[in-house]
Protein backbone atom coordinates (compact mmCIF):
# COMPACT_ATOMS: atom_id res chain seq x y z
CA MET A 1 103.89 95.46 91.67
CA GLU A 2 104.74 99.11 91.46
CA PRO A 3 108.37 100.13 90.92
CA LEU A 4 108.44 102.21 94.09
CA GLU A 5 107.13 99.24 96.10
CA ARG A 6 109.88 97.08 94.65
CA LEU A 7 112.47 99.69 95.53
CA GLY A 8 111.24 99.65 99.12
CA GLN A 9 111.57 95.88 99.22
CA LEU A 10 115.11 96.10 97.89
CA TYR A 11 116.12 98.65 100.52
CA ASP A 12 114.59 96.39 103.15
CA ALA A 13 116.51 93.38 101.85
CA TRP A 14 119.72 95.42 101.81
CA GLY A 15 119.23 96.34 105.46
CA LYS A 16 118.58 100.05 104.87
CA PRO A 17 115.64 100.82 107.18
CA ASP A 18 115.90 104.60 106.72
CA LYS A 19 115.56 104.32 102.95
CA THR A 20 112.79 101.71 103.31
CA ALA A 21 110.79 104.09 105.52
CA GLU A 22 111.39 106.97 103.11
CA VAL A 23 110.03 104.97 100.18
CA LYS A 24 107.02 103.76 102.18
CA MET A 25 106.17 107.35 103.07
CA LYS A 26 106.18 108.29 99.37
CA LEU A 27 103.96 105.38 98.24
CA PRO A 28 100.55 107.02 98.90
CA ALA A 29 101.46 110.14 96.92
CA PHE A 30 102.88 107.99 94.12
CA ARG A 31 99.69 105.91 93.96
CA GLN A 32 97.51 109.02 93.96
CA ALA A 33 99.53 110.60 91.15
CA ALA A 34 99.30 107.38 89.13
CA GLU A 35 95.54 107.26 89.64
CA VAL A 36 95.11 110.86 88.51
CA SER A 37 97.28 110.16 85.49
CA ASN A 38 95.23 107.08 84.60
CA ASN A 39 91.98 109.02 84.92
CA LYS A 40 93.24 111.75 82.60
CA SER A 41 94.13 109.24 79.91
CA THR A 42 90.60 107.79 79.89
CA THR A 43 88.81 111.15 79.85
CA PRO A 44 87.96 112.39 76.32
C-alpha cells in the first residue's frame, strides 16, 4: 500500500472527509510520478 493511500485511510478513520478527499485527488499524480521515477531507474 502506498503511503499516500494510507494517509487517506487515516483521515477517513479520523472523520476528516475534507482531508480524505484532498488526498484522494492527489493519488493519480502521485502514482504517475512514482511510475516515471521507476522507469528512469531502470533505463540505462
